[in-house]
Each structure stands twice: as C-alpha cells, then as structure tokens.
Amino acid sequence: MEDTIFSKIIRREIPADIVHEDDDVLGFRDINAQAPTHVLFIPKRPIATLNDLQESDAVLIGKLVLAATRYARAEGLADDGYRCVINCNGHGGQTVFHLHLHLLGGRQMHWPPG
C-alpha cells in the first residue's frame, strides 16, 4: 500500500487534532469538516479499502466502530443521532486510500448527504 497522509499522521509526521488513540485505532478531527463534529477513525495498520478486508480483520473493524460510538456518546451525540460512513474507492467517494470511518454529528443529517 502506498504511503498516505494518514500514515504520516500515525507516525506524527503531520500534525492532527487527535481525539482518540489506542493500540489499534487513531481518531482525529477532519480538517474539511462537513458537520460540527467530523472525526475520522482509522486503523493504525494500513488497509487501503473495504475491499481489502480479510476475515481476520473483523475484530479490528469492530474496534474501529466501537471507538467511534464511544466518542459519539462522550460528545453527547448519541441521543440525537450521528452518522458513520466508510467510503470505498472512487465511485464511493474515497479520496485517501487508507480505510477510514467518518463520524458526523451535531446537526440534522440528510440523504443524500449534503
């Protein structure tokens, strides 16, 4: 997998507003926020897209989702609601090819997104 901006954030080569970190997952505020709360949760182990997941990644993906939901709860988003999105490849809107989950909240979400 190519080196991405997220890999550089993990290595602390690029600054980020980190809001969560454990052994497997890093969470940081999106610099191009689409909602009052817009945090990206990424696995520290690089996985390019959803298509690259293996059965052995099930626990890691669970940790990614649970980190996002814990953060949403801690930020007071759980009762009103929030959105978690994982884009896959170009047509899915993925622009950085390091798997990441967008947590968006703090406003009414609409479908289609916008």
Protein backbone atom coordinates (compact mmCIF):
# COMPACT_ATOMS: atom_id res chain seq x y z
CA MET A 1 0.00 0.00 0.00
CA GLU A 2 1.26 3.49 -0.80
CA ASP A 3 2.21 5.90 1.95
CA THR A 4 -0.75 8.19 2.69
CA ILE A 5 -1.41 11.33 4.66
CA PHE A 6 -3.00 9.09 7.32
CA SER A 7 0.18 7.03 7.62
CA LYS A 8 2.07 10.27 8.18
CA ILE A 9 -0.43 11.30 10.86
CA ILE A 10 0.02 7.94 12.61
CA ARG A 11 3.80 8.47 12.58
CA ARG A 12 3.30 12.07 13.81
CA GLU A 13 4.99 13.49 10.71
CA ILE A 14 1.90 15.64 10.07
CA PRO A 15 0.03 17.30 12.93
CA ALA A 16 -3.59 16.37 13.62
CA ASP A 17 -6.15 17.14 16.30
CA ILE A 18 -6.17 13.65 17.81
CA VAL A 19 -9.22 12.83 19.93
CA HIS A 20 -8.75 9.07 20.37
CA GLU A 21 -5.83 6.67 20.37
CA ASP A 22 -5.36 3.10 21.43
CA ASP A 23 -3.11 0.29 20.22
CA ASP A 24 -5.14 -0.29 17.04
CA VAL A 25 -7.17 2.84 16.24
CA LEU A 26 -6.49 6.56 15.85
CA GLY A 27 -9.24 9.19 15.78
CA PHE A 28 -8.72 12.80 14.70
CA ARG A 29 -10.79 15.77 13.57
CA ASP A 30 -11.31 16.09 9.82
CA ILE A 31 -9.70 19.30 8.53
CA ASN A 32 -12.51 19.57 5.94
CA ALA A 33 -15.38 19.15 8.41
CA GLN A 34 -18.83 18.52 6.93
CA ALA A 35 -20.63 18.74 10.29
CA PRO A 36 -20.00 20.36 13.68
CA THR A 37 -18.47 17.05 14.76
CA HIS A 38 -16.50 15.33 11.98
CA VAL A 39 -13.91 12.87 13.21
CA LEU A 40 -12.03 10.24 11.21
CA PHE A 41 -11.27 6.90 12.83
CA ILE A 42 -8.56 4.86 11.15
CA PRO A 43 -6.88 1.55 11.85
CA LYS A 44 -3.20 2.06 12.61
CA ARG A 45 -2.45 -0.91 10.36
CA PRO A 46 -2.86 0.31 6.79
CA ILE A 47 -5.74 -1.23 4.86
CA ALA A 48 -6.45 0.56 1.58
CA THR A 49 -10.21 -0.04 1.15
CA LEU A 50 -13.14 -2.05 2.44
CA ASN A 51 -12.41 -4.44 -0.44
CA ASP A 52 -9.07 -5.29 1.15
CA LEU A 53 -10.53 -6.53 4.44
CA GLN A 54 -9.96 -10.15 5.41
CA GLU A 55 -11.92 -12.32 7.85
CA SER A 56 -9.04 -11.81 10.27
CA ASP A 57 -9.80 -8.05 10.29
CA ALA A 58 -13.24 -8.49 11.92
CA VAL A 59 -12.00 -7.63 15.42
CA LEU A 60 -10.09 -4.58 14.15
CA ILE A 61 -13.15 -3.25 12.32
CA GLY A 62 -15.22 -3.83 15.44
CA LYS A 63 -12.70 -1.77 17.42
CA LEU A 64 -12.91 0.99 14.81
CA VAL A 65 -16.71 1.18 15.06
CA LEU A 66 -16.71 0.93 18.86
CA ALA A 67 -14.16 3.77 19.13
CA ALA A 68 -16.44 5.96 17.03
CA THR A 69 -19.56 5.10 19.03
CA ARG A 70 -17.79 5.70 22.36
CA TYR A 71 -16.63 9.08 21.11
CA ALA A 72 -20.13 9.96 19.87
CA ARG A 73 -21.56 9.07 23.27
CA ALA A 74 -18.89 11.08 25.11
CA GLU A 75 -19.58 14.11 22.89
CA GLY A 76 -23.33 13.94 23.61
CA LEU A 77 -24.31 12.89 20.09
CA ALA A 78 -25.87 9.52 20.90
CA ASP A 79 -29.39 10.65 21.83
CA ASP A 80 -29.93 12.97 18.85
CA GLY A 81 -28.03 10.69 16.48
CA TYR A 82 -25.00 10.73 14.24
CA ARG A 83 -23.73 9.17 11.04
CA CYS A 84 -20.85 6.75 10.45
CA VAL A 85 -19.66 6.41 6.86
CA ILE A 86 -16.93 4.35 5.21
CA ASN A 87 -16.37 5.22 1.54
CA CYS A 88 -14.87 2.66 -0.84
CA ASN A 89 -12.92 3.55 -3.97
CA GLY A 90 -13.55 6.41 -6.38
CA HIS A 91 -17.26 6.00 -7.07
CA GLY A 92 -17.83 5.60 -3.33
CA GLY A 93 -16.12 8.92 -2.65
CA GLN A 94 -12.89 7.59 -1.13
CA THR A 95 -10.01 10.02 -1.68
CA VAL A 96 -7.43 8.72 0.81
CA PHE A 97 -6.69 5.04 0.31
CA HIS A 98 -6.30 4.12 3.95
CA LEU A 99 -9.57 2.76 5.34
CA HIS A 100 -11.32 5.35 7.48
CA LEU A 101 -14.66 5.81 9.18
CA HIS A 102 -16.23 9.28 9.18
CA LEU A 103 -18.19 10.13 12.33
CA LEU A 104 -20.50 13.08 11.61
CA GLY A 105 -22.85 14.69 14.09
CA GLY A 106 -24.09 17.82 15.72
CA ARG A 107 -26.66 18.65 13.04
CA GLN A 108 -29.54 17.03 11.17
CA MET A 109 -28.19 14.70 8.50
CA HIS A 110 -29.98 14.36 5.16
CA TRP A 111 -29.97 11.75 2.42
CA PRO A 112 -28.45 12.07 0.01
CA PRO A 113 -25.63 13.61 2.05
CA GLY A 114 -25.26 17.32 1.80
